[in-house]
């Protein structure tokens, strides 16, 4: 379906996938509300040690979604397990 009109490039879709995952991570960050909630959620996702210090961060959710620690906690596989699947990433690459 993507190649039907030959307007989309796979690289552009890959970039949209990255942006979508970052947006999902931002939504998770906002949903956790407080420092305590973020700490608990990151702990449950397997983040330990210094990585948990990001829970106290005061920067915005969009910026936190790009942080290494949040990406390590909410990996592509974790997001997929929650049901946030990007369809064109499931298709075998050509």
Foldseek 3Di string as FASTA:
>chain_A
DVPPVPPDDVVVLVVVVVVVQLVVLLVVLVVLPALVSQLVLLVVLPDDDPLSVCSPDPDHSSVVSPDPSSCVSCPQVNCVVVVNDDVVVVDDDD
